[in-house]
Amino acid sequence: MTTQEEFEAASQRAQQLSSKPSNMVLLQLYALYKQATEGDVTGVRPGGFDFKAIAKYDAWASLRGTSKEAARQQYVELVNELAV
């Protein structure tokens, strides 16, 4: 089980990665972070031509039902993989 301190440390490491991850990995990091800190996505899916907001919403929505603890664990594991 990942502690809150481990999660926060991983969040700091994610901002200091030596190379920028791909857009898909960035979306995954975003979605896991949001799920871990806020839980399931709320609100209406963005529309129009705000493709970045739509992608972020969809990535987060794909984790609907995932517990905060599981999302924290997955986030830490992903950051650890990227930091190698």
N, C-alpha and C. Protein backbone atom coordinates (compact mmCIF):
# COMPACT_ATOMS: atom_id res chain seq x y z
N MET A 1 0.84 -1.18 0.00
CA MET A 1 0.00 0.00 0.00
C MET A 1 0.89 1.25 0.00
N THR A 2 0.59 2.16 -0.86
CA THR A 2 1.36 3.39 -0.99
C THR A 2 0.85 4.43 0.00
N THR A 3 1.77 5.06 0.71
CA THR A 3 1.39 6.09 1.66
C THR A 3 1.23 7.43 0.95
N GLN A 4 0.60 8.35 1.64
CA GLN A 4 0.42 9.70 1.10
C GLN A 4 1.78 10.36 0.87
N GLU A 5 2.73 10.10 1.75
CA GLU A 5 4.07 10.69 1.62
C GLU A 5 4.78 10.16 0.37
N GLU A 6 4.64 8.86 0.10
CA GLU A 6 5.24 8.28 -1.11
C GLU A 6 4.61 8.88 -2.36
N PHE A 7 3.30 9.08 -2.29
CA PHE A 7 2.59 9.68 -3.42
C PHE A 7 3.07 11.10 -3.66
N GLU A 8 3.18 11.89 -2.61
CA GLU A 8 3.63 13.27 -2.76
C GLU A 8 5.07 13.34 -3.26
N ALA A 9 5.92 12.42 -2.80
CA ALA A 9 7.30 12.37 -3.28
C ALA A 9 7.34 12.02 -4.77
N ALA A 10 6.49 11.09 -5.18
CA ALA A 10 6.42 10.71 -6.60
C ALA A 10 5.92 11.88 -7.44
N SER A 11 4.99 12.64 -6.89
CA SER A 11 4.49 13.81 -7.60
C SER A 11 5.61 14.82 -7.85
N GLN A 12 6.47 15.01 -6.86
CA GLN A 12 7.62 15.91 -7.02
C GLN A 12 8.60 15.37 -8.05
N ARG A 13 8.86 14.04 -7.99
CA ARG A 13 9.78 13.43 -8.96
C ARG A 13 9.24 13.52 -10.38
N ALA A 14 7.93 13.43 -10.53
CA ALA A 14 7.31 13.48 -11.86
C ALA A 14 7.57 14.83 -12.53
N GLN A 15 7.68 15.87 -11.73
CA GLN A 15 7.92 17.20 -12.28
C GLN A 15 9.39 17.43 -12.61
N GLN A 16 10.25 16.50 -12.18
CA GLN A 16 11.69 16.67 -12.38
C GLN A 16 12.30 15.56 -13.23
N LEU A 17 11.49 14.92 -14.06
CA LEU A 17 12.00 13.85 -14.91
C LEU A 17 13.02 14.40 -15.89
N SER A 18 14.03 13.59 -16.20
CA SER A 18 15.11 14.06 -17.07
C SER A 18 14.64 14.26 -18.52
N SER A 19 13.64 13.50 -18.95
CA SER A 19 13.10 13.70 -20.30
C SER A 19 11.58 13.75 -20.22
N LYS A 20 10.99 14.52 -21.12
CA LYS A 20 9.53 14.68 -21.11
C LYS A 20 8.87 13.42 -21.64
N PRO A 21 7.93 12.86 -20.88
CA PRO A 21 7.20 11.67 -21.35
C PRO A 21 6.32 12.00 -22.55
N SER A 22 5.88 10.97 -23.24
CA SER A 22 4.98 11.16 -24.37
C SER A 22 3.65 11.73 -23.89
N ASN A 23 2.87 12.24 -24.81
CA ASN A 23 1.57 12.81 -24.45
C ASN A 23 0.66 11.77 -23.81
N MET A 24 0.73 10.53 -24.28
CA MET A 24 -0.11 9.47 -23.71
C MET A 24 0.28 9.19 -22.25
N VAL A 25 1.58 9.19 -21.97
CA VAL A 25 2.04 8.96 -20.61
C VAL A 25 1.66 10.16 -19.73
N LEU A 26 1.79 11.36 -20.27
CA LEU A 26 1.39 12.55 -19.51
C LEU A 26 -0.10 12.49 -19.16
N LEU A 27 -0.93 12.05 -20.10
CA LEU A 27 -2.36 11.91 -19.82
C LEU A 27 -2.59 10.86 -18.74
N GLN A 28 -1.83 9.77 -18.79
CA GLN A 28 -1.98 8.73 -17.78
C GLN A 28 -1.58 9.26 -16.41
N LEU A 29 -0.49 9.99 -16.35
CA LEU A 29 -0.07 10.60 -15.08
C LEU A 29 -1.14 11.55 -14.55
N TYR A 30 -1.67 12.38 -15.44
CA TYR A 30 -2.71 13.33 -15.06
C TYR A 30 -3.92 12.60 -14.49
N ALA A 31 -4.40 11.59 -15.22
CA ALA A 31 -5.60 10.88 -14.82
C ALA A 31 -5.40 10.17 -13.48
N LEU A 32 -4.26 9.52 -13.32
CA LEU A 32 -3.99 8.82 -12.06
C LEU A 32 -3.89 9.82 -10.90
N TYR A 33 -3.26 10.95 -11.14
CA TYR A 33 -3.14 11.97 -10.09
C TYR A 33 -4.52 12.48 -9.68
N LYS A 34 -5.34 12.81 -10.67
CA LYS A 34 -6.68 13.33 -10.37
C LYS A 34 -7.53 12.27 -9.65
N GLN A 35 -7.44 11.02 -10.09
CA GLN A 35 -8.21 9.96 -9.46
C GLN A 35 -7.75 9.75 -8.03
N ALA A 36 -6.43 9.84 -7.81
CA ALA A 36 -5.87 9.64 -6.47
C ALA A 36 -6.21 10.77 -5.52
N THR A 37 -6.34 11.99 -6.05
CA THR A 37 -6.57 13.13 -5.18
C THR A 37 -8.04 13.53 -5.07
N GLU A 38 -8.81 13.29 -6.13
CA GLU A 38 -10.21 13.76 -6.13
C GLU A 38 -11.24 12.64 -6.27
N GLY A 39 -10.82 11.47 -6.72
CA GLY A 39 -11.78 10.39 -6.96
C GLY A 39 -12.34 10.49 -8.36
N ASP A 40 -13.51 9.90 -8.56
CA ASP A 40 -14.12 9.85 -9.90
C ASP A 40 -14.36 11.24 -10.48
N VAL A 41 -14.21 11.31 -11.79
CA VAL A 41 -14.43 12.55 -12.52
C VAL A 41 -15.87 13.01 -12.34
N THR A 42 -16.06 14.31 -12.26
CA THR A 42 -17.40 14.88 -12.15
C THR A 42 -17.55 15.93 -13.24
N GLY A 43 -18.75 16.40 -13.40
CA GLY A 43 -18.99 17.45 -14.38
C GLY A 43 -19.27 16.89 -15.76
N VAL A 44 -19.45 17.81 -16.67
CA VAL A 44 -19.80 17.48 -18.04
C VAL A 44 -18.54 17.41 -18.88
N ARG A 45 -18.50 16.45 -19.80
CA ARG A 45 -17.36 16.32 -20.71
C ARG A 45 -17.27 17.58 -21.57
N PRO A 46 -16.08 18.17 -21.67
CA PRO A 46 -15.92 19.37 -22.49
C PRO A 46 -16.29 19.08 -23.95
N GLY A 47 -16.76 20.08 -24.61
CA GLY A 47 -17.13 19.92 -26.00
C GLY A 47 -16.37 20.88 -26.88
N GLY A 48 -16.81 20.99 -28.08
CA GLY A 48 -16.19 21.94 -29.00
C GLY A 48 -14.81 21.49 -29.44
N PHE A 49 -13.94 22.46 -29.57
CA PHE A 49 -12.61 22.20 -30.11
C PHE A 49 -11.51 22.26 -29.06
N ASP A 50 -11.87 22.10 -27.79
CA ASP A 50 -10.88 22.08 -26.73
C ASP A 50 -10.38 20.65 -26.56
N PHE A 51 -9.58 20.21 -27.54
CA PHE A 51 -9.16 18.82 -27.60
C PHE A 51 -8.32 18.41 -26.39
N LYS A 52 -7.54 19.33 -25.86
CA LYS A 52 -6.71 19.01 -24.70
C LYS A 52 -7.61 18.71 -23.49
N ALA A 53 -8.60 19.55 -23.26
CA ALA A 53 -9.52 19.34 -22.13
C ALA A 53 -10.32 18.05 -22.31
N ILE A 54 -10.71 17.75 -23.54
CA ILE A 54 -11.45 16.52 -23.82
C ILE A 54 -10.58 15.30 -23.53
N ALA A 55 -9.33 15.34 -23.97
CA ALA A 55 -8.41 14.22 -23.74
C ALA A 55 -8.17 14.01 -22.25
N LYS A 56 -8.00 15.09 -21.52
CA LYS A 56 -7.78 14.99 -20.08
C LYS A 56 -9.01 14.42 -19.38
N TYR A 57 -10.18 14.91 -19.75
CA TYR A 57 -11.42 14.42 -19.16
C TYR A 57 -11.59 12.92 -19.44
N ASP A 58 -11.39 12.53 -20.70
CA ASP A 58 -11.56 11.13 -21.08
C ASP A 58 -10.57 10.22 -20.37
N ALA A 59 -9.32 10.69 -20.22
CA ALA A 59 -8.32 9.89 -19.53
C ALA A 59 -8.72 9.69 -18.07
N TRP A 60 -9.18 10.73 -17.43
CA TRP A 60 -9.61 10.64 -16.04
C TRP A 60 -10.87 9.77 -15.94
N ALA A 61 -11.81 9.97 -16.84
CA ALA A 61 -13.06 9.20 -16.81
C ALA A 61 -12.80 7.71 -17.01
N SER A 62 -11.72 7.35 -17.72
CA SER A 62 -11.41 5.94 -17.95
C SER A 62 -11.05 5.23 -16.64
N LEU A 63 -10.74 5.98 -15.61
CA LEU A 63 -10.39 5.40 -14.31
C LEU A 63 -11.56 5.37 -13.34
N ARG A 64 -12.74 5.73 -13.82
CA ARG A 64 -13.92 5.77 -12.96
C ARG A 64 -14.07 4.43 -12.24
N GLY A 65 -14.28 4.48 -10.94
CA GLY A 65 -14.44 3.27 -10.14
C GLY A 65 -13.14 2.79 -9.50
N THR A 66 -12.01 3.34 -9.93
CA THR A 66 -10.73 2.99 -9.32
C THR A 66 -10.63 3.71 -7.99
N SER A 67 -10.24 3.00 -6.96
CA SER A 67 -10.13 3.64 -5.64
C SER A 67 -8.97 4.63 -5.63
N LYS A 68 -9.04 5.58 -4.73
CA LYS A 68 -7.95 6.55 -4.58
C LYS A 68 -6.65 5.85 -4.25
N GLU A 69 -6.72 4.84 -3.41
CA GLU A 69 -5.52 4.11 -2.99
C GLU A 69 -4.89 3.38 -4.18
N ALA A 70 -5.71 2.73 -4.99
CA ALA A 70 -5.19 2.02 -6.17
C ALA A 70 -4.58 3.01 -7.16
N ALA A 71 -5.21 4.15 -7.35
CA ALA A 71 -4.69 5.16 -8.27
C ALA A 71 -3.36 5.71 -7.74
N ARG A 72 -3.26 5.91 -6.42
CA ARG A 72 -2.00 6.37 -5.82
C ARG A 72 -0.89 5.37 -6.10
N GLN A 73 -1.19 4.09 -5.89
CA GLN A 73 -0.21 3.04 -6.11
C GLN A 73 0.25 3.00 -7.57
N GLN A 74 -0.70 3.06 -8.49
CA GLN A 74 -0.36 3.03 -9.92
C GLN A 74 0.45 4.26 -10.32
N TYR A 75 0.12 5.41 -9.76
CA TYR A 75 0.84 6.64 -10.06
C TYR A 75 2.30 6.51 -9.62
N VAL A 76 2.51 6.05 -8.39
CA VAL A 76 3.87 5.90 -7.86
C VAL A 76 4.65 4.90 -8.71
N GLU A 77 4.03 3.79 -9.09
CA GLU A 77 4.71 2.80 -9.91
C GLU A 77 5.09 3.37 -11.26
N LEU A 78 4.20 4.15 -11.88
CA LEU A 78 4.50 4.74 -13.19
C LEU A 78 5.63 5.74 -13.08
N VAL A 79 5.60 6.58 -12.07
CA VAL A 79 6.68 7.56 -11.89
C VAL A 79 8.01 6.85 -11.65
N ASN A 80 7.99 5.78 -10.87
CA ASN A 80 9.20 5.03 -10.62
C ASN A 80 9.77 4.45 -11.92
N GLU A 81 8.89 3.96 -12.78
CA GLU A 81 9.33 3.42 -14.08
C GLU A 81 9.96 4.53 -14.93
N LEU A 82 9.35 5.69 -14.93
CA LEU A 82 9.83 6.81 -15.76
C LEU A 82 11.14 7.39 -15.22
N ALA A 83 11.35 7.30 -13.93
CA ALA A 83 12.53 7.90 -13.30
C ALA A 83 13.77 7.04 -13.47
N VAL A 84 13.63 5.85 -13.99
CA VAL A 84 14.79 4.95 -14.15
C VAL A 84 15.66 5.42 -15.28
